[in-house]
C-alpha atoms as a PDB file:
ATOM      1  CA  MET A   1      11.107 113.488 -60.429  1.00  0.00           C
ATOM      2  CA  THR A   2       8.944 116.524 -59.729  1.00  0.00           C
ATOM      3  CA  THR A   3       7.296 117.262 -56.431  1.00  0.00           C
ATOM      4  CA  SER A   4       3.908 117.278 -58.183  1.00  0.00           C
ATOM      5  CA  ARG A   5       4.399 113.636 -59.065  1.00  0.00           C
ATOM      6  CA  ARG A   6       5.224 112.393 -55.601  1.00  0.00           C
ATOM      7  CA  ALA A   7       2.700 111.926 -52.817  1.00  0.00           C
ATOM      8  CA  VAL A   8       4.456 111.204 -49.540  1.00  0.00           C
ATOM      9  CA  LEU A   9       2.034 109.836 -46.963  1.00  0.00           C
ATOM     10  CA  VAL A  10       3.978 109.499 -43.726  1.00  0.00           C
ATOM     11  CA  GLY A  11       2.192 107.549 -41.017  1.00  0.00           C
ATOM     12  CA  LEU A  12      -0.845 107.540 -43.302  1.00  0.00           C
ATOM     13  CA  ALA A  13      -2.739 104.640 -41.813  1.00  0.00           C
ATOM     14  CA  ALA A  14      -2.185 105.883 -38.299  1.00  0.00           C
ATOM     15  CA  ALA A  15      -3.252 109.400 -39.207  1.00  0.00           C
ATOM     16  CA  LEU A  16      -6.525 108.262 -40.719  1.00  0.00           C
ATOM     17  CA  SER A  17      -7.272 106.141 -37.682  1.00  0.00           C
ATOM     18  CA  GLY A  18      -6.759 109.181 -35.457  1.00  0.00           C
ATOM     19  CA  CYS A  19      -3.461 108.014 -33.973  1.00  0.00           C
ATOM     20  CA  ALA A  20      -0.311 109.733 -35.221  1.00  0.00           C
ATOM     21  CA  THR A  21       2.834 107.621 -35.393  1.00  0.00           C
ATOM     22  CA  PRO A  22       5.966 109.200 -33.838  1.00  0.00           C
ATOM     23  CA  ARG A  23       8.793 109.645 -36.343  1.00  0.00           C
ATOM     24  CA  ALA A  24      12.532 109.899 -35.802  1.00  0.00           C
ATOM     25  CA  GLU A  25      14.251 113.010 -37.143  1.00  0.00           C
ATOM     26  CA  SER A  26      17.760 113.290 -38.548  1.00  0.00           C
ATOM     27  CA  THR A  27      20.267 115.901 -37.437  1.00  0.00           C
ATOM     28  CA  ALA A  28      19.316 117.972 -40.477  1.00  0.00           C
ATOM     29  CA  GLY A  29      15.728 118.093 -39.260  1.00  0.00           C
ATOM     30  CA  SER A  30      14.289 115.955 -42.040  1.00  0.00           C
ATOM     31  CA  VAL A  31      12.041 112.997 -41.324  1.00  0.00           C
ATOM     32  CA  GLU A  32      13.799 109.647 -41.358  1.00  0.00           C
ATOM     33  CA  VAL A  33      11.263 107.258 -42.860  1.00  0.00           C
ATOM     34  CA  THR A  34      11.567 103.613 -41.886  1.00  0.00           C
ATOM     35  CA  ASP A  35       9.266 100.636 -42.442  1.00  0.00           C
ATOM     36  CA  THR A  36       7.912 102.320 -45.562  1.00  0.00           C
ATOM     37  CA  LEU A  37       5.750 100.888 -48.308  1.00  0.00           C
ATOM     38  CA  TYR A  38       6.772 102.433 -51.640  1.00  0.00           C
ATOM     39  CA  GLN A  39       4.258 102.193 -54.465  1.00  0.00           C
ATOM     40  CA  VAL A  40       4.359 103.115 -58.129  1.00  0.00           C
ATOM     41  CA  SER A  41       0.972 104.463 -59.291  1.00  0.00           C
ATOM     42  CA  THR A  42      -2.389 103.210 -57.976  1.00  0.00           C
ATOM     43  CA  ILE A  43      -4.740 100.351 -58.716  1.00  0.00           C
ATOM     44  CA  ASP A  44      -7.273 102.960 -59.863  1.00  0.00           C
ATOM     45  CA  ALA A  45      -4.913 104.147 -62.623  1.00  0.00           C
ATOM     46  CA  LEU A  46      -4.006 100.582 -63.593  1.00  0.00           C
ATOM     47  CA  SER A  47      -7.669  99.602 -63.758  1.00  0.00           C
ATOM     48  CA  CYS A  48      -8.286 102.392 -66.243  1.00  0.00           C
ATOM     49  CA  GLY A  49      -5.597 101.120 -68.613  1.00  0.00           C
ATOM     50  CA  HIS A  50      -2.483 103.037 -67.599  1.00  0.00           C
ATOM     51  CA  PHE A  51      -0.118 100.192 -68.409  1.00  0.00           C
ATOM     52  CA  ALA A  52       3.240 101.836 -69.135  1.00  0.00           C
ATOM     53  CA  ASP A  53       6.276 103.881 -68.174  1.00  0.00           C
ATOM     54  CA  GLU A  54       5.972 104.952 -64.538  1.00  0.00           C
ATOM     55  CA  GLN A  55       9.248 103.675 -63.025  1.00  0.00           C
ATOM     56  CA  THR A  56      12.216 101.498 -63.934  1.00  0.00           C
ATOM     57  CA  VAL A  57      12.878  98.228 -62.174  1.00  0.00           C
ATOM     58  CA  GLY A  58      16.275  99.605 -61.195  1.00  0.00           C
ATOM     59  CA  GLY A  59      14.624 102.608 -59.542  1.00  0.00           C
ATOM     60  CA  LEU A  60      12.114 100.319 -57.881  1.00  0.00           C
ATOM     61  CA  LEU A  61      14.831  98.129 -56.364  1.00  0.00           C
ATOM     62  CA  GLU A  62      16.527 101.191 -54.921  1.00  0.00           C
ATOM     63  CA  ARG A  63      13.414 101.599 -52.752  1.00  0.00           C
ATOM     64  CA  GLY A  64      13.079  97.989 -51.666  1.00  0.00           C
ATOM     65  CA  GLY A  65      14.121  94.463 -52.536  1.00  0.00           C
ATOM     66  CA  PHE A  66      10.803  92.804 -51.676  1.00  0.00           C
ATOM     67  CA  GLY A  67       7.434  93.224 -53.340  1.00  0.00           C
ATOM     68  CA  LEU A  68       5.128  92.661 -56.273  1.00  0.00           C
ATOM     69  CA  GLY A  69       3.412  94.367 -59.200  1.00  0.00           C
ATOM     70  CA  THR A  70       3.473  94.160 -62.988  1.00  0.00           C
ATOM     71  CA  VAL A  71       5.655  95.319 -65.884  1.00  0.00           C
ATOM     72  CA  ASN A  72       5.041  97.495 -68.921  1.00  0.00           C
ATOM     73  CA  GLU A  73       2.027  96.527 -71.007  1.00  0.00           C
ATOM     74  CA  LEU A  74       1.079  94.034 -68.241  1.00  0.00           C
ATOM     75  CA  ASP A  75       3.616  91.671 -69.782  1.00  0.00           C
ATOM     76  CA  GLY A  76       4.119  89.642 -66.633  1.00  0.00           C
ATOM     77  CA  GLU A  77       3.270  89.370 -62.950  1.00  0.00           C
ATOM     78  CA  LEU A  78       6.151  90.929 -60.999  1.00  0.00           C
ATOM     79  CA  ALA A  79       7.702  89.229 -57.970  1.00  0.00           C
ATOM     80  CA  VAL A  80      10.558  90.919 -56.106  1.00  0.00           C
ATOM     81  CA  VAL A  81      12.495  88.727 -53.671  1.00  0.00           C
ATOM     82  CA  ASP A  82      15.996  89.018 -52.223  1.00  0.00           C
ATOM     83  CA  GLY A  83      16.620  92.195 -54.205  1.00  0.00           C
ATOM     84  CA  GLU A  84      15.891  90.544 -57.564  1.00  0.00           C
ATOM     85  CA  ALA A  85      12.907  91.177 -59.842  1.00  0.00           C
ATOM     86  CA  TYR A  86      11.193  88.486 -61.893  1.00  0.00           C
ATOM     87  CA  ALA A  87       8.248  88.568 -64.293  1.00  0.00           C
ATOM     88  CA  VAL A  88       5.976  85.584 -64.911  1.00  0.00           C
ATOM     89  CA  ARG A  89       4.714  85.955 -68.478  1.00  0.00           C
ATOM     90  CA  GLY A  90       1.354  84.983 -69.881  1.00  0.00           C
ATOM     91  CA  ASP A  91       2.783  81.658 -71.076  1.00  0.00           C
ATOM     92  CA  GLY A  92       3.922  80.795 -67.552  1.00  0.00           C
ATOM     93  CA  THR A  93       7.649  81.324 -68.079  1.00  0.00           C
ATOM     94  CA  ALA A  94       9.567  83.423 -65.566  1.00  0.00           C
ATOM     95  CA  VAL A  95      12.394  85.806 -66.489  1.00  0.00           C
ATOM     96  CA  ALA A  96      14.808  87.942 -64.492  1.00  0.00           C
ATOM     97  CA  LEU A  97      14.266  91.611 -65.319  1.00  0.00           C
ATOM     98  CA  GLU A  98      16.895  94.107 -66.410  1.00  0.00           C
ATOM     99  CA  PRO A  99      17.156  97.399 -64.458  1.00  0.00           C
ATOM    100  CA  GLU A 100      15.863  99.419 -67.435  1.00  0.00           C
ATOM    101  CA  THR A 101      12.598  97.451 -67.641  1.00  0.00           C
ATOM    102  CA  LYS A 102       9.641  99.722 -66.841  1.00  0.00           C
ATOM    103  CA  THR A 103       6.724  99.123 -64.497  1.00  0.00           C
ATOM    104  CA  PRO A 104       3.344 100.923 -64.423  1.00  0.00           C
ATOM    105  CA  PHE A 105       2.341  99.542 -61.008  1.00  0.00           C
ATOM    106  CA  ALA A 106       4.417  97.992 -58.237  1.00  0.00           C
ATOM    107  CA  THR A 107       4.766  97.905 -54.465  1.00  0.00           C
ATOM    108  CA  VAL A 108       8.015  97.262 -52.599  1.00  0.00           C
ATOM    109  CA  THR A 109       9.607  97.696 -49.196  1.00  0.00           C
ATOM    110  CA  ALA A 110      13.011  97.209 -47.587  1.00  0.00           C
ATOM    111  CA  PHE A 111      11.837  94.062 -45.854  1.00  0.00           C
ATOM    112  CA  GLU A 112      12.943  93.725 -42.219  1.00  0.00           C
ATOM    113  CA  PRO A 113      10.700  91.259 -40.371  1.00  0.00           C
ATOM    114  CA  ASP A 114       9.332  92.230 -36.977  1.00  0.00           C
ATOM    115  CA  ALA A 115       7.859  88.795 -36.312  1.00  0.00           C
ATOM    116  CA  THR A 116       7.997  85.244 -37.616  1.00  0.00           C
ATOM    117  CA  ILE A 117       5.227  82.703 -37.231  1.00  0.00           C
ATOM    118  CA  GLU A 118       4.982  79.053 -38.203  1.00  0.00           C
ATOM    119  CA  LEU A 119       1.746  77.750 -39.710  1.00  0.00           C
ATOM    120  CA  GLU A 120       0.866  74.093 -40.058  1.00  0.00           C
ATOM    121  CA  ASN A 121      -1.760  72.499 -42.294  1.00  0.00           C
ATOM    122  CA  VAL A 122      -2.829  75.557 -44.269  1.00  0.00           C
ATOM    123  CA  GLU A 123      -5.756  74.407 -46.419  1.00  0.00           C
ATOM    124  CA  SER A 124      -6.400  77.548 -48.462  1.00  0.00           C
ATOM    125  CA  PHE A 125      -5.406  81.168 -49.046  1.00  0.00           C
ATOM    126  CA  GLU A 126      -8.597  82.193 -47.240  1.00  0.00           C
ATOM    127  CA  GLU A 127      -7.686  80.120 -44.198  1.00  0.00           C
ATOM    128  CA  PHE A 128      -4.165  81.572 -44.228  1.00  0.00           C
ATOM    129  CA  ALA A 129      -5.636  85.085 -44.256  1.00  0.00           C
ATOM    130  CA  ASP A 130      -7.934  84.352 -41.323  1.00  0.00           C
ATOM    131  CA  ARG A 131      -5.181  82.815 -39.215  1.00  0.00           C
ATOM    132  CA  VAL A 132      -2.611  85.516 -39.893  1.00  0.00           C
ATOM    133  CA  THR A 133      -5.018  88.416 -39.426  1.00  0.00           C
ATOM    134  CA  GLU A 134      -5.550  87.234 -35.865  1.00  0.00           C
ATOM    135  CA  ARG A 135      -1.821  87.713 -35.286  1.00  0.00           C
ATOM    136  CA  LEU A 136      -1.531  91.230 -36.712  1.00  0.00           C
ATOM    137  CA  PRO A 137      -1.207  94.012 -34.114  1.00  0.00           C
ATOM    138  CA  ARG A 138      -3.699  96.145 -36.073  1.00  0.00           C
ATOM    139  CA  THR A 139      -5.578  95.939 -39.364  1.00  0.00           C
ATOM    140  CA  ASP A 140      -5.664  99.647 -40.221  1.00  0.00           C
ATOM    141  CA  HIS A 141      -1.932  99.557 -41.063  1.00  0.00           C
ATOM    142  CA  PHE A 142      -0.034  98.010 -43.939  1.00  0.00           C
ATOM    143  CA  HIS A 143       2.008  94.841 -43.442  1.00  0.00           C
ATOM    144  CA  ALA A 144       4.498  93.009 -45.662  1.00  0.00           C
ATOM    145  CA  LEU A 145       4.633  89.226 -45.367  1.00  0.00           C
ATOM    146  CA  ASN A 146       7.077  86.760 -46.855  1.00  0.00           C
ATOM    147  CA  LEU A 147       5.846  83.179 -47.097  1.00  0.00           C
ATOM    148  CA  ARG A 148       8.536  80.541 -47.526  1.00  0.00           C
ATOM    149  CA  GLY A 149       8.169  76.821 -47.735  1.00  0.00           C
ATOM    150  CA  SER A 150       7.054  73.795 -49.644  1.00  0.00           C
ATOM    151  CA  PHE A 151       3.589  74.229 -51.088  1.00  0.00           C
ATOM    152  CA  GLU A 152       1.364  71.245 -51.692  1.00  0.00           C
ATOM    153  CA  PHE A 153      -0.609  73.272 -54.232  1.00  0.00           C
ATOM    154  CA  VAL A 154      -0.537  76.798 -55.696  1.00  0.00           C
ATOM    155  CA  ARG A 155      -2.954  78.311 -58.213  1.00  0.00           C
ATOM    156  CA  THR A 156      -1.768  81.475 -59.960  1.00  0.00           C
ATOM    157  CA  ARG A 157      -2.514  83.605 -62.987  1.00  0.00           C
ATOM    158  CA  SER A 158      -0.813  85.857 -65.489  1.00  0.00           C
ATOM    159  CA  VAL A 159      -1.800  87.608 -68.707  1.00  0.00           C
ATOM    160  CA  ASP A 160      -0.251  88.291 -72.104  1.00  0.00           C
ATOM    161  CA  GLY A 161       1.279  91.685 -72.835  1.00  0.00           C
ATOM    162  CA  GLN A 162      -1.097  94.345 -74.166  1.00  0.00           C
ATOM    163  CA  VAL A 163      -0.809  96.797 -77.055  1.00  0.00           C
ATOM    164  CA  GLU A 164      -2.155 100.318 -77.398  1.00  0.00           C
ATOM    165  CA  PRO A 165      -4.846 101.458 -77.259  1.00  0.00           C
ATOM    166  CA  TYR A 166      -4.864  99.656 -73.923  1.00  0.00           C
ATOM    167  CA  PRO A 167      -8.084  98.087 -72.636  1.00  0.00           C
ATOM    168  CA  THR A 168      -9.202  98.286 -69.020  1.00  0.00           C
ATOM    169  CA  LEU A 169      -7.704  95.874 -66.497  1.00  0.00           C
ATOM    170  CA  GLU A 170     -11.092  94.161 -66.193  1.00  0.00           C
ATOM    171  CA  ASP A 171     -11.086  93.392 -69.917  1.00  0.00           C
ATOM    172  CA  VAL A 172      -7.520  92.068 -69.759  1.00  0.00           C
ATOM    173  CA  LEU A 173      -8.339  89.670 -66.932  1.00  0.00           C
ATOM    174  CA  GLU A 174     -11.130  88.091 -68.955  1.00  0.00           C
ATOM    175  CA  ASN A 175      -8.323  86.447 -70.982  1.00  0.00           C
ATOM    176  CA  GLU A 176      -5.997  85.491 -68.130  1.00  0.00           C
ATOM    177  CA  THR A 177      -4.127  82.189 -68.040  1.00  0.00           C
ATOM    178  CA  VAL A 178      -4.303  80.103 -64.850  1.00  0.00           C
ATOM    179  CA  PHE A 179      -1.408  77.904 -63.700  1.00  0.00           C
ATOM    180  CA  GLU A 180      -1.393  75.154 -61.090  1.00  0.00           C
ATOM    181  CA  PHE A 181       1.658  73.889 -59.215  1.00  0.00           C
ATOM    182  CA  GLU A 182       1.929  70.792 -57.041  1.00  0.00           C
ATOM    183  CA  ASP A 183       4.606  69.989 -54.476  1.00  0.00           C
ATOM    184  CA  VAL A 184       6.629  73.079 -55.272  1.00  0.00           C
ATOM    185  CA  GLU A 185       9.022  75.153 -53.198  1.00  0.00           C
ATOM    186  CA  GLY A 186       9.066  78.903 -53.467  1.00  0.00           C
ATOM    187  CA  GLU A 187       8.464  82.314 -51.980  1.00  0.00           C
ATOM    188  CA  MET A 188       5.309  84.379 -51.866  1.00  0.00           C
ATOM    189  CA  PRO A 189       5.821  88.142 -51.389  1.00  0.00           C
ATOM    190  CA  THR A 190       2.562  89.396 -49.897  1.00  0.00           C
ATOM    191  CA  PHE A 191       1.068  92.666 -48.655  1.00  0.00           C
ATOM    192  CA  PHE A 192      -1.847  93.235 -46.316  1.00  0.00           C
ATOM    193  CA  ILE A 193      -3.700  96.387 -47.405  1.00  0.00           C
ATOM    194  CA  PRO A 194      -6.371  98.011 -45.175  1.00  0.00           C
ATOM    195  CA  ASP A 195      -9.859  98.289 -46.663  1.00  0.00           C
ATOM    196  CA  GLN A 196      -9.847 102.107 -46.649  1.00  0.00           C
ATOM    197  CA  PHE A 197      -7.082 102.164 -49.285  1.00  0.00           C
ATOM    198  CA  GLU A 198      -8.937 100.197 -51.953  1.00  0.00           C
ATOM    199  CA  GLN A 199      -8.401 102.888 -54.625  1.00  0.00           C
ATOM    200  CA  ILE A 200      -4.646 102.747 -54.018  1.00  0.00           C
ATOM    201  CA  HIS A 201      -4.109  98.995 -53.836  1.00  0.00           C
ATOM    202  CA  PRO A 202      -6.400  95.951 -53.805  1.00  0.00           C
ATOM    203  CA  PRO A 203      -7.395  95.510 -50.134  1.00  0.00           C
ATOM    204  CA  GLY A 204      -6.760  92.437 -48.044  1.00  0.00           C
ATOM    205  CA  TYR A 205      -3.909  90.052 -48.840  1.00  0.00           C
ATOM    206  CA  HIS A 206      -2.271  90.517 -52.230  1.00  0.00           C
ATOM    207  CA  ALA A 207       0.312  87.809 -53.018  1.00  0.00           C
ATOM    208  CA  HIS A 208       2.553  86.823 -55.907  1.00  0.00           C
ATOM    209  CA  PHE A 209       4.525  83.581 -56.181  1.00  0.00           C
ATOM    210  CA  ILE A 210       7.930  82.693 -57.575  1.00  0.00           C
ATOM    211  CA  THR A 211       9.322  79.164 -57.473  1.00  0.00           C
ATOM    212  CA  SER A 212      12.672  78.439 -55.850  1.00  0.00           C
ATOM    213  CA  ALA A 213      13.929  77.524 -59.324  1.00  0.00           C
ATOM    214  CA  ARG A 214      12.732  80.957 -60.527  1.00  0.00           C
ATOM    215  CA  ASP A 215      10.965  79.312 -63.447  1.00  0.00           C
ATOM    216  CA  GLY A 216       7.292  79.988 -62.706  1.00  0.00           C
ATOM    217  CA  GLY A 217       4.779  81.689 -60.459  1.00  0.00           C
ATOM    218  CA  GLY A 218       2.255  84.498 -60.878  1.00  0.00           C
ATOM    219  CA  HIS A 219      -0.522  86.312 -59.029  1.00  0.00           C
ATOM    220  CA  VAL A 220      -1.789  83.987 -56.308  1.00  0.00           C
ATOM    221  CA  TYR A 221      -5.402  82.810 -56.253  1.00  0.00           C
ATOM    222  CA  ASP A 222      -5.109  79.906 -53.826  1.00  0.00           C
ATOM    223  CA  PHE A 223      -2.638  77.576 -52.139  1.00  0.00           C
ATOM    224  CA  ARG A 224      -2.216  74.739 -49.651  1.00  0.00           C
ATOM    225  CA  ALA A 225       0.800  73.983 -47.509  1.00  0.00           C
ATOM    226  CA  ASP A 226       1.666  71.503 -44.773  1.00  0.00           C
ATOM    227  CA  SER A 227       4.075  73.936 -43.130  1.00  0.00           C
ATOM    228  CA  LEU A 228       4.878  77.584 -43.757  1.00  0.00           C
ATOM    229  CA  GLU A 229       7.264  80.124 -42.297  1.00  0.00           C
ATOM    230  CA  VAL A 230       5.668  83.575 -42.405  1.00  0.00           C
ATOM    231  CA  GLU A 231       7.866  86.609 -41.792  1.00  0.00           C
ATOM    232  CA  ILE A 232       5.937  89.823 -41.102  1.00  0.00           C
ATOM    233  CA  ASP A 233       7.156  93.404 -41.412  1.00  0.00           C
ATOM    234  CA  HIS A 234       4.802  95.956 -39.822  1.00  0.00           C
ATOM    235  CA  LEU A 235       4.846  99.104 -41.973  1.00  0.00           C
ATOM    236  CA  ASP A 236       4.035 102.554 -40.671  1.00  0.00           C
ATOM    237  CA  SER A 237       4.370 104.875 -43.674  1.00  0.00           C
ATOM    238  CA  VAL A 238       3.483 104.940 -47.357  1.00  0.00           C
ATOM    239  CA  GLU A 239       5.010 106.748 -50.324  1.00  0.00           C
ATOM    240  CA  ILE A 240       3.171 106.773 -53.645  1.00  0.00           C
ATOM    241  CA  GLU A 241       4.388 107.927 -57.045  1.00  0.00           C
ATOM    242  CA  LEU A 242       1.197 109.156 -58.677  1.00  0.00           C
ATOM    243  CA  ALA A 243       0.593 108.122 -62.290  1.00  0.00           C
ATOM    244  CA  GLN A 244       1.564 110.652 -64.950  1.00  0.00           C
ATOM    245  CA  ARG A 245      -1.428 109.828 -67.096  1.00  0.00           C
ATOM    246  CA  ASP A 246      -3.214 112.016 -69.600  1.00  0.00           C
ATOM    247  CA  VAL A 247      -6.705 112.418 -68.155  1.00  0.00           C
ATOM    248  CA  GLU A 248      -8.216 112.661 -71.626  1.00  0.00           C
ATOM    249  CA  GLU A 249      -6.508 109.460 -72.783  1.00  0.00           C
ATOM    250  CA  TYR A 250      -7.013 107.647 -69.466  1.00  0.00           C
ATOM    251  CA  PRO A 251     -10.152 109.092 -67.850  1.00  0.00           C
ATOM    252  CA  PRO A 252     -11.339 107.730 -64.503  1.00  0.00           C
ATOM    253  CA  CYS A 253     -13.301 104.526 -65.044  1.00  0.00           C
END
């Protein structure tokens, strides 16, 4: 990995809000980064059709065992839980991924919850977002959230794998497949992304779902739950591997 490829943004959210976050230093004088969001590429690059070969799943899991994203050619919605990576394909099936599988866009962290809250009678994803946002210490930082429980209803999506020349992400999503689950147990790796980072990652709450049986899931559109345990990890730094795209082949869109 070359230094030109890596953008290390330490305490990024705090810096942009005018409040630097203190960092611990090792005995060698280097910065010891904790509570870090690690991201492969950006949503801007993905939107323009950069759908392949940025990082391996094995390399991704070395940076964190919790997260979400996609896999090469958009051939599945990626859910990372308990150090394992799964892809929900366009036909709704879920598969465990081998370490050599590539991803063009993914976000992970070494999840260590700072807080746990219990939510009762959650009627929608929107309601969940409103209730949890009230509990966040600040909304100009990133947060990782793990939702566990029995879901009364979950609506998700995935898409079929693409072939070159790749279309834009917008064109791909016109042919998405929507799945609905009822009375299902599972986990929902989720990130809260501040609005000012919309070109890096979709802002707000971005969630993927994987069933406890690891046989289905996808990108979350909506859900209902009688009772949920929500673990929250407050993140204070970001590291992004910038896409190695050919600007002539993948111009900004």
